[in-house]
């Protein structure tokens, strides 16, 4: 009789354990035991490298934009310079 009781209780415990582990409560408990940097957030070092790369690209774009602004201002001044319009005629 004891053997049958132990088998039934064991089967019941296995079933309840499977239900709890697969539930949101079981998943949240499992996340607490995971080491930092794993899980749905991904690898923190990899994300930091991507952020650093993107920050470098943004800085490069800022420098390029500043250079383009200088060039546009230069061309704008050349086009507005009235002394350029009154050049002496060429000796051709």
PDB file of N, CA and C in Angstrom:
ATOM      1  N   UNK A   1       0.806  -1.184   0.000  1.00  0.00           N
ATOM      2  CA  UNK A   1       0.000   0.000   0.000  1.00  0.00           C
ATOM      3  C   UNK A   1       0.860   1.263   0.000  1.00  0.00           C
ATOM      4  N   UNK A   2       1.984   1.242   0.773  1.00  0.00           N
ATOM      5  CA  UNK A   2       2.876   2.380   0.821  1.00  0.00           C
ATOM      6  C   UNK A   2       3.545   2.627  -0.526  1.00  0.00           C
ATOM      7  N   UNK A   3       3.852   1.592  -1.203  1.00  0.00           N
ATOM      8  CA  UNK A   3       4.511   1.724  -2.504  1.00  0.00           C
ATOM      9  C   UNK A   3       3.577   2.438  -3.478  1.00  0.00           C
ATOM     10  N   UNK A   4       2.311   2.059  -3.503  1.00  0.00           N
ATOM     11  CA  UNK A   4       1.335   2.693  -4.379  1.00  0.00           C
ATOM     12  C   UNK A   4       1.174   4.182  -4.029  1.00  0.00           C
ATOM     13  N   UNK A   5       1.170   4.508  -2.761  1.00  0.00           N
ATOM     14  CA  UNK A   5       1.047   5.901  -2.318  1.00  0.00           C
ATOM     15  C   UNK A   5       2.263   6.712  -2.743  1.00  0.00           C
ATOM     16  N   UNK A   6       3.445   6.158  -2.586  1.00  0.00           N
ATOM     17  CA  UNK A   6       4.677   6.856  -2.985  1.00  0.00           C
ATOM     18  C   UNK A   6       4.690   7.082  -4.491  1.00  0.00           C
ATOM     19  N   UNK A   7       4.292   6.113  -5.266  1.00  0.00           N
ATOM     20  CA  UNK A   7       4.266   6.244  -6.732  1.00  0.00           C
ATOM     21  C   UNK A   7       3.259   7.308  -7.144  1.00  0.00           C
ATOM     22  N   UNK A   8       2.072   7.312  -6.545  1.00  0.00           N
ATOM     23  CA  UNK A   8       1.059   8.305  -6.895  1.00  0.00           C
ATOM     24  C   UNK A   8       1.496   9.725  -6.492  1.00  0.00           C
ATOM     25  N   UNK A   9       2.070   9.851  -5.321  1.00  0.00           N
ATOM     26  CA  UNK A   9       2.552  11.164  -4.877  1.00  0.00           C
ATOM     27  C   UNK A   9       3.698  11.628  -5.778  1.00  0.00           C
ATOM     28  N   UNK A  10       4.584  10.733  -6.156  1.00  0.00           N
ATOM     29  CA  UNK A  10       5.688  11.077  -7.061  1.00  0.00           C
ATOM     30  C   UNK A  10       5.177  11.534  -8.413  1.00  0.00           C
ATOM     31  N   UNK A  11       4.189  10.826  -8.958  1.00  0.00           N
ATOM     32  CA  UNK A  11       3.617  11.213 -10.249  1.00  0.00           C
ATOM     33  C   UNK A  11       2.935  12.577 -10.138  1.00  0.00           C
ATOM     34  N   UNK A  12       2.246  12.809  -9.038  1.00  0.00           N
ATOM     35  CA  UNK A  12       1.581  14.081  -8.828  1.00  0.00           C
ATOM     36  C   UNK A  12       2.590  15.221  -8.702  1.00  0.00           C
ATOM     37  N   UNK A  13       3.696  14.979  -7.994  1.00  0.00           N
ATOM     38  CA  UNK A  13       4.733  15.998  -7.834  1.00  0.00           C
ATOM     39  C   UNK A  13       5.414  16.337  -9.166  1.00  0.00           C
ATOM     40  N   UNK A  14       5.644  15.305  -9.974  1.00  0.00           N
ATOM     41  CA  UNK A  14       6.264  15.539 -11.278  1.00  0.00           C
ATOM     42  C   UNK A  14       5.345  16.402 -12.133  1.00  0.00           C
ATOM     43  N   UNK A  15       4.064  16.113 -12.123  1.00  0.00           N
ATOM     44  CA  UNK A  15       3.104  16.885 -12.916  1.00  0.00           C
ATOM     45  C   UNK A  15       3.015  18.322 -12.412  1.00  0.00           C
ATOM     46  N   UNK A  16       2.918  18.510 -11.120  1.00  0.00           N
ATOM     47  CA  UNK A  16       2.846  19.861 -10.565  1.00  0.00           C
ATOM     48  C   UNK A  16       4.124  20.651 -10.822  1.00  0.00           C
ATOM     49  N   UNK A  17       5.260  19.982 -10.731  1.00  0.00           N
ATOM     50  CA  UNK A  17       6.541  20.648 -11.002  1.00  0.00           C
ATOM     51  C   UNK A  17       6.599  21.119 -12.449  1.00  0.00           C
ATOM     52  N   UNK A  18       6.150  20.292 -13.388  1.00  0.00           N
ATOM     53  CA  UNK A  18       6.150  20.672 -14.805  1.00  0.00           C
ATOM     54  C   UNK A  18       5.235  21.868 -15.044  1.00  0.00           C
ATOM     55  N   UNK A  19       4.092  21.890 -14.377  1.00  0.00           N
ATOM     56  CA  UNK A  19       3.161  23.008 -14.550  1.00  0.00           C
ATOM     57  C   UNK A  19       3.754  24.293 -13.990  1.00  0.00           C
ATOM     58  N   UNK A  20       4.355  24.234 -12.817  1.00  0.00           N
ATOM     59  CA  UNK A  20       4.920  25.432 -12.192  1.00  0.00           C
ATOM     60  C   UNK A  20       6.119  25.940 -12.977  1.00  0.00           C
ATOM     61  N   UNK A  21       6.980  25.054 -13.439  1.00  0.00           N
ATOM     62  CA  UNK A  21       8.182  25.475 -14.170  1.00  0.00           C
ATOM     63  C   UNK A  21       7.804  26.131 -15.491  1.00  0.00           C
ATOM     64  N   UNK A  22       6.743  25.667 -16.132  1.00  0.00           N
ATOM     65  CA  UNK A  22       6.338  26.221 -17.419  1.00  0.00           C
ATOM     66  C   UNK A  22       5.481  27.474 -17.268  1.00  0.00           C
ATOM     67  N   UNK A  23       5.115  27.844 -16.091  1.00  0.00           N
ATOM     68  CA  UNK A  23       4.266  29.016 -15.868  1.00  0.00           C
ATOM     69  C   UNK A  23       5.112  30.288 -15.824  1.00  0.00           C
ATOM     70  N   UNK A  24       4.480  31.448 -15.910  1.00  0.00           N
ATOM     71  CA  UNK A  24       5.223  32.712 -15.781  1.00  0.00           C
ATOM     72  C   UNK A  24       5.955  32.826 -14.444  1.00  0.00           C
ATOM     73  N   UNK A  25       5.365  32.289 -13.399  1.00  0.00           N
ATOM     74  CA  UNK A  25       6.026  32.306 -12.094  1.00  0.00           C
ATOM     75  C   UNK A  25       7.326  31.506 -12.135  1.00  0.00           C
ATOM     76  N   UNK A  26       7.281  30.334 -12.760  1.00  0.00           N
ATOM     77  CA  UNK A  26       8.483  29.507 -12.885  1.00  0.00           C
ATOM     78  C   UNK A  26       9.554  30.182 -13.722  1.00  0.00           C
ATOM     79  N   UNK A  27       9.134  30.874 -14.792  1.00  0.00           N
ATOM     80  CA  UNK A  27      10.105  31.580 -15.639  1.00  0.00           C
ATOM     81  C   UNK A  27      10.762  32.734 -14.884  1.00  0.00           C
ATOM     82  N   UNK A  28       9.970  33.462 -14.097  1.00  0.00           N
ATOM     83  CA  UNK A  28      10.557  34.579 -13.348  1.00  0.00           C
ATOM     84  C   UNK A  28      11.529  34.078 -12.282  1.00  0.00           C
ATOM     85  N   UNK A  29      11.224  32.951 -11.665  1.00  0.00           N
ATOM     86  CA  UNK A  29      12.157  32.361 -10.695  1.00  0.00           C
ATOM     87  C   UNK A  29      13.435  31.919 -11.398  1.00  0.00           C
ATOM     88  N   UNK A  30      13.299  31.333 -12.589  1.00  0.00           N
ATOM     89  CA  UNK A  30      14.474  30.888 -13.341  1.00  0.00           C
ATOM     90  C   UNK A  30      15.350  32.067 -13.747  1.00  0.00           C
ATOM     91  N   UNK A  31      14.728  33.209 -14.103  1.00  0.00           N
ATOM     92  CA  UNK A  31      15.511  34.390 -14.476  1.00  0.00           C
ATOM     93  C   UNK A  31      16.348  34.914 -13.318  1.00  0.00           C
ATOM     94  N   UNK A  32      15.869  34.742 -12.107  1.00  0.00           N
ATOM     95  CA  UNK A  32      16.638  35.195 -10.933  1.00  0.00           C
ATOM     96  C   UNK A  32      17.907  34.376 -10.738  1.00  0.00           C
ATOM     97  N   UNK A  33      17.900  33.137 -11.190  1.00  0.00           N
ATOM     98  CA  UNK A  33      19.075  32.286 -11.030  1.00  0.00           C
ATOM     99  C   UNK A  33      20.052  32.403 -12.187  1.00  0.00           C
ATOM    100  N   UNK A  34      19.669  33.078 -13.270  1.00  0.00           N
ATOM    101  CA  UNK A  34      20.569  33.243 -14.409  1.00  0.00           C
ATOM    102  C   UNK A  34      21.652  34.261 -14.064  1.00  0.00           C
ATOM    103  N   UNK A  35      22.857  34.073 -14.618  1.00  0.00           N
ATOM    104  CA  UNK A  35      23.903  35.077 -14.392  1.00  0.00           C
ATOM    105  C   UNK A  35      23.567  36.376 -15.120  1.00  0.00           C
ATOM    106  N   UNK A  36      24.167  37.465 -14.668  1.00  0.00           N
ATOM    107  CA  UNK A  36      23.924  38.767 -15.273  1.00  0.00           C
ATOM    108  C   UNK A  36      24.332  38.757 -16.737  1.00  0.00           C
ATOM    109  N   UNK A  37      23.608  39.507 -17.552  1.00  0.00           N
ATOM    110  CA  UNK A  37      23.971  39.648 -18.958  1.00  0.00           C
ATOM    111  C   UNK A  37      23.399  38.579 -19.857  1.00  0.00           C
ATOM    112  N   UNK A  38      22.667  37.621 -19.337  1.00  0.00           N
ATOM    113  CA  UNK A  38      22.064  36.624 -20.188  1.00  0.00           C
ATOM    114  C   UNK A  38      20.562  36.814 -20.171  1.00  0.00           C
ATOM    115  N   UNK A  39      19.888  36.111 -21.020  1.00  0.00           N
ATOM    116  CA  UNK A  39      18.443  36.206 -21.063  1.00  0.00           C
ATOM    117  C   UNK A  39      17.998  37.018 -22.259  1.00  0.00           C
ATOM    118  N   UNK A  40      16.780  37.551 -22.185  1.00  0.00           N
ATOM    119  CA  UNK A  40      16.240  38.251 -23.334  1.00  0.00           C
ATOM    120  C   UNK A  40      16.978  39.537 -23.677  1.00  0.00           C
ATOM    121  N   UNK A  41      17.706  40.124 -22.699  1.00  0.00           N
ATOM    122  CA  UNK A  41      18.434  41.361 -22.954  1.00  0.00           C
ATOM    123  C   UNK A  41      19.654  41.169 -23.834  1.00  0.00           C
ATOM    124  N   UNK A  42      20.124  39.972 -23.985  1.00  0.00           N
ATOM    125  CA  UNK A  42      21.302  39.718 -24.807  1.00  0.00           C
ATOM    126  C   UNK A  42      22.582  39.967 -24.045  1.00  0.00           C
ATOM    127  N   UNK A  43      23.655  39.904 -24.763  1.00  0.00           N
ATOM    128  CA  UNK A  43      24.976  40.082 -24.174  1.00  0.00           C
ATOM    129  C   UNK A  43      25.253  41.575 -24.015  1.00  0.00           C
ATOM    130  N   UNK A  44      25.517  42.004 -22.805  1.00  0.00           N
ATOM    131  CA  UNK A  44      25.712  43.424 -22.512  1.00  0.00           C
ATOM    132  C   UNK A  44      26.972  43.948 -23.197  1.00  0.00           C
ATOM    133  N   UNK A  45      28.029  43.159 -23.224  1.00  0.00           N
ATOM    134  CA  UNK A  45      29.274  43.607 -23.872  1.00  0.00           C
ATOM    135  C   UNK A  45      29.062  43.828 -25.360  1.00  0.00           C
ATOM    136  N   UNK A  46      28.308  42.942 -25.995  1.00  0.00           N
ATOM    137  CA  UNK A  46      28.044  43.081 -27.426  1.00  0.00           C
ATOM    138  C   UNK A  46      27.214  44.342 -27.685  1.00  0.00           C
ATOM    139  N   UNK A  47      26.229  44.590 -26.851  1.00  0.00           N
ATOM    140  CA  UNK A  47      25.423  45.798 -27.003  1.00  0.00           C
ATOM    141  C   UNK A  47      26.261  47.047 -26.779  1.00  0.00           C
ATOM    142  N   UNK A  48      27.174  47.012 -25.825  1.00  0.00           N
ATOM    143  CA  UNK A  48      28.040  48.161 -25.567  1.00  0.00           C
ATOM    144  C   UNK A  48      28.949  48.425 -26.761  1.00  0.00           C
ATOM    145  N   UNK A  49      29.464  47.369 -27.393  1.00  0.00           N
ATOM    146  CA  UNK A  49      30.297  47.534 -28.585  1.00  0.00           C
ATOM    147  C   UNK A  49      29.493  48.161 -29.717  1.00  0.00           C
ATOM    148  N   UNK A  50      28.252  47.735 -29.881  1.00  0.00           N
ATOM    149  CA  UNK A  50      27.418  48.316 -30.930  1.00  0.00           C
ATOM    150  C   UNK A  50      27.139  49.782 -30.654  1.00  0.00           C
ATOM    151  N   UNK A  51      26.889  50.127 -29.398  1.00  0.00           N
ATOM    152  CA  UNK A  51      26.646  51.525 -29.036  1.00  0.00           C
ATOM    153  C   UNK A  51      27.898  52.357 -29.311  1.00  0.00           C
ATOM    154  N   UNK A  52      29.066  51.852 -28.941  1.00  0.00           N
ATOM    155  CA  UNK A  52      30.313  52.578 -29.183  1.00  0.00           C
ATOM    156  C   UNK A  52      30.533  52.796 -30.683  1.00  0.00           C
ATOM    157  N   UNK A  53      30.256  51.760 -31.477  1.00  0.00           N
ATOM    158  CA  UNK A  53      30.413  51.871 -32.922  1.00  0.00           C
ATOM    159  C   UNK A  53      29.471  52.926 -33.488  1.00  0.00           C
ATOM    160  N   UNK A  54      28.230  52.913 -33.052  1.00  0.00           N
ATOM    161  CA  UNK A  54      27.262  53.887 -33.540  1.00  0.00           C
ATOM    162  C   UNK A  54      27.610  55.303 -33.099  1.00  0.00           C
ATOM    163  N   UNK A  55      28.124  55.457 -31.877  1.00  0.00           N
ATOM    164  CA  UNK A  55      28.543  56.780 -31.427  1.00  0.00           C
ATOM    165  C   UNK A  55      29.698  57.300 -32.277  1.00  0.00           C
ATOM    166  N   UNK A  56      30.630  56.426 -32.639  1.00  0.00           N
ATOM    167  CA  UNK A  56      31.727  56.831 -33.519  1.00  0.00           C
ATOM    168  C   UNK A  56      31.230  57.263 -34.885  1.00  0.00           C
ATOM    169  N   UNK A  57      30.261  56.536 -35.422  1.00  0.00           N
ATOM    170  CA  UNK A  57      29.704  56.902 -36.723  1.00  0.00           C
ATOM    171  C   UNK A  57      28.970  58.235 -36.651  1.00  0.00           C
ATOM    172  N   UNK A  58      28.270  58.491 -35.552  1.00  0.00           N
ATOM    173  CA  UNK A  58      27.570  59.766 -35.389  1.00  0.00           C
ATOM    174  C   UNK A  58      28.571  60.910 -35.314  1.00  0.00           C
ATOM    175  N   UNK A  59      29.668  60.725 -34.595  1.00  0.00           N
ATOM    176  CA  UNK A  59      30.701  61.768 -34.519  1.00  0.00           C
ATOM    177  C   UNK A  59      31.296  62.048 -35.896  1.00  0.00           C
ATOM    178  N   UNK A  60      31.534  60.989 -36.663  1.00  0.00           N
ATOM    179  CA  UNK A  60      32.071  61.166 -38.016  1.00  0.00           C
ATOM    180  C   UNK A  60      31.086  61.928 -38.894  1.00  0.00           C
ATOM    181  N   UNK A  61      29.804  61.625 -38.763  1.00  0.00           N
ATOM    182  CA  UNK A  61      28.792  62.347 -39.535  1.00  0.00           C
ATOM    183  C   UNK A  61      28.716  63.816 -39.124  1.00  0.00           C
ATOM    184  N   UNK A  62      28.906  64.103 -37.833  1.00  0.00           N
ATOM    185  CA  UNK A  62      28.923  65.495 -37.383  1.00  0.00           C
ATOM    186  C   UNK A  62      30.096  66.246 -38.000  1.00  0.00           C
ATOM    187  N   UNK A  63      31.266  65.613 -38.044  1.00  0.00           N
ATOM    188  CA  UNK A  63      32.433  66.266 -38.663  1.00  0.00           C
ATOM    189  C   UNK A  63      32.196  66.494 -40.154  1.00  0.00           C
ATOM    190  N   UNK A  64      31.622  65.514 -40.830  1.00  0.00           N
ATOM    191  CA  UNK A  64      31.343  65.660 -42.255  1.00  0.00           C
ATOM    192  C   UNK A  64      30.341  66.775 -42.503  1.00  0.00           C
ATOM    193  N   UNK A  65      29.317  66.841 -41.667  1.00  0.00           N
ATOM    194  CA  UNK A  65      28.311  67.890 -41.797  1.00  0.00           C
ATOM    195  C   UNK A  65      28.916  69.268 -41.570  1.00  0.00           C
ATOM    196  N   UNK A  66      29.798  69.377 -40.599  1.00  0.00           N
ATOM    197  CA  UNK A  66      30.459  70.667 -40.353  1.00  0.00           C
ATOM    198  C   UNK A  66      31.304  71.073 -41.556  1.00  0.00           C
ATOM    199  N   UNK A  67      32.009  70.119 -42.155  1.00  0.00           N
ATOM    200  CA  UNK A  67      32.798  70.419 -43.351  1.00  0.00           C
ATOM    201  C   UNK A  67      31.918  70.850 -44.513  1.00  0.00           C
ATOM    202  N   UNK A  68      30.790  70.210 -44.671  1.00  0.00           N
ATOM    203  CA  UNK A  68      29.874  70.591 -45.747  1.00  0.00           C
ATOM    204  C   UNK A  68      29.296  71.980 -45.511  1.00  0.00           C
ATOM    205  N   UNK A  69      29.029  72.317 -44.260  1.00  0.00           N
ATOM    206  CA  UNK A  69      28.535  73.670 -43.955  1.00  0.00           C
ATOM    207  C   UNK A  69      29.569  74.714 -44.350  1.00  0.00           C
ATOM    208  N   UNK A  70      30.837  74.451 -44.032  1.00  0.00           N
ATOM    209  CA  UNK A  70      31.902  75.388 -44.407  1.00  0.00           C
ATOM    210  C   UNK A  70      31.979  75.547 -45.918  1.00  0.00           C
ATOM    211  N   UNK A  71      31.880  74.448 -46.642  1.00  0.00           N
ATOM    212  CA  UNK A  71      31.939  74.518 -48.104  1.00  0.00           C
ATOM    213  C   UNK A  71      30.762  75.291 -48.676  1.00  0.00           C
ATOM    214  N   UNK A  72      29.584  75.084 -48.132  1.00  0.00           N
ATOM    215  CA  UNK A  72      28.399  75.798 -48.617  1.00  0.00           C
ATOM    216  C   UNK A  72      28.542  77.290 -48.332  1.00  0.00           C
ATOM    217  N   UNK A  73      29.054  77.654 -47.160  1.00  0.00           N
ATOM    218  CA  UNK A  73      29.261  79.069 -46.850  1.00  0.00           C
ATOM    219  C   UNK A  73      30.277  79.690 -47.797  1.00  0.00           C
ATOM    220  N   UNK A  74      31.325  78.965 -48.123  1.00  0.00           N
ATOM    221  CA  UNK A  74      32.349  79.465 -49.051  1.00  0.00           C
ATOM    222  C   UNK A  74      31.756  79.707 -50.431  1.00  0.00           C
ATOM    223  N   UNK A  75      31.008  78.744 -50.908  1.00  0.00           N
ATOM    224  CA  UNK A  75      30.391  78.891 -52.230  1.00  0.00           C
ATOM    225  C   UNK A  75      29.375  80.027 -52.208  1.00  0.00           C
ATOM    226  N   UNK A  76      28.643  80.150 -51.141  1.00  0.00           N
ATOM    227  CA  UNK A  76      27.658  81.226 -51.012  1.00  0.00           C
ATOM    228  C   UNK A  76      28.341  82.591 -51.060  1.00  0.00           C
ATOM    229  N   UNK A  77      29.482  82.743 -50.357  1.00  0.00           N
ATOM    230  CA  UNK A  77      30.217  84.012 -50.394  1.00  0.00           C
ATOM    231  C   UNK A  77      30.764  84.290 -51.783  1.00  0.00           C
ATOM    232  N   UNK A  78      31.229  83.267 -52.481  1.00  0.00           N
ATOM    233  CA  UNK A  78      31.736  83.468 -53.846  1.00  0.00           C
ATOM    234  C   UNK A  78      30.634  83.946 -54.777  1.00  0.00           C
ATOM    235  N   UNK A  79      29.448  83.385 -54.601  1.00  0.00           N
ATOM    236  CA  UNK A  79      28.357  83.778 -55.484  1.00  0.00           C
ATOM    237  C   UNK A  79      27.816  85.161 -55.156  1.00  0.00           C
ATOM    238  N   UNK A  80      27.938  85.620 -53.932  1.00  0.00           N
ATOM    239  CA  UNK A  80      27.430  86.930 -53.549  1.00  0.00           C
ATOM    240  C   UNK A  80      28.464  88.032 -53.666  1.00  0.00           C
ATOM    241  N   UNK A  81      29.723  87.738 -53.913  1.00  0.00           N
ATOM    242  CA  UNK A  81      30.795  88.739 -53.946  1.00  0.00           C
ATOM    243  C   UNK A  81      30.607  89.656 -55.159  1.00  0.00           C
ATOM    244  N   UNK A  82      30.293  90.934 -54.924  1.00  0.00           N
ATOM    245  CA  UNK A  82      30.059  91.835 -56.065  1.00  0.00           C
ATOM    246  C   UNK A  82      31.338  92.188 -56.828  1.00  0.00           C
ATOM    247  N   UNK A  83      32.492  92.133 -56.191  1.00  0.00           N
ATOM    248  CA  UNK A  83      33.734  92.485 -56.898  1.00  0.00           C
ATOM    249  C   UNK A  83      34.086  91.432 -57.938  1.00  0.00           C
ATOM    250  N   UNK A  84      33.591  90.247 -57.811  1.00  0.00           N
ATOM    251  CA  UNK A  84      33.845  89.197 -58.797  1.00  0.00           C
ATOM    252  C   UNK A  84      33.130  89.494 -60.108  1.00  0.00           C
ATOM    253  N   UNK A  85      32.027  90.253 -60.024  1.00  0.00           N
ATOM    254  CA  UNK A  85      31.244  90.541 -61.224  1.00  0.00           C
ATOM    255  C   UNK A  85      31.953  91.552 -62.112  1.00  0.00           C
ATOM    256  N   UNK A  86      32.747  92.430 -61.527  1.00  0.00           N
ATOM    257  CA  UNK A  86      33.416  93.507 -62.285  1.00  0.00           C
ATOM    258  C   UNK A  86      34.864  93.156 -62.545  1.00  0.00           C
ATOM    259  N   UNK A  87      35.059  92.074 -63.258  1.00  0.00           N
ATOM    260  CA  UNK A  87      36.444  91.713 -63.618  1.00  0.00           C
ATOM    261  C   UNK A  87      36.842  92.469 -64.876  1.00  0.00           C
ATOM    262  N   UNK A  88      38.119  92.771 -64.984  1.00  0.00           N
ATOM    263  CA  UNK A  88      38.573  93.449 -66.230  1.00  0.00           C
ATOM    264  C   UNK A  88      38.456  92.471 -67.404  1.00  0.00           C
ATOM    265  N   UNK A  89      38.202  92.958 -68.562  1.00  0.00           N
ATOM    266  CA  UNK A  89      38.078  92.072 -69.738  1.00  0.00           C
ATOM    267  C   UNK A  89      39.400  91.361 -70.023  1.00  0.00           C
ATOM    268  N   UNK A  90      39.297  90.171 -70.481  1.00  0.00           N
ATOM    269  CA  UNK A  90      40.505  89.384 -70.759  1.00  0.00           C
ATOM    270  C   UNK A  90      41.114  89.869 -72.076  1.00  0.00           C
ATOM    271  N   UNK A  91      42.460  89.835 -72.202  1.00  0.00           N
ATOM    272  CA  UNK A  91      43.149  90.340 -73.406  1.00  0.00           C
ATOM    273  C   UNK A  91      43.126  89.354 -74.558  1.00  0.00           C
ATOM    274  N   UNK A  92      42.084  88.674 -74.791  1.00  0.00           N
ATOM    275  CA  UNK A  92      42.052  87.716 -75.888  1.00  0.00           C
ATOM    276  C   UNK A  92      41.531  88.244 -77.149  1.00  0.00           C
TER     277      UNK A  92
END
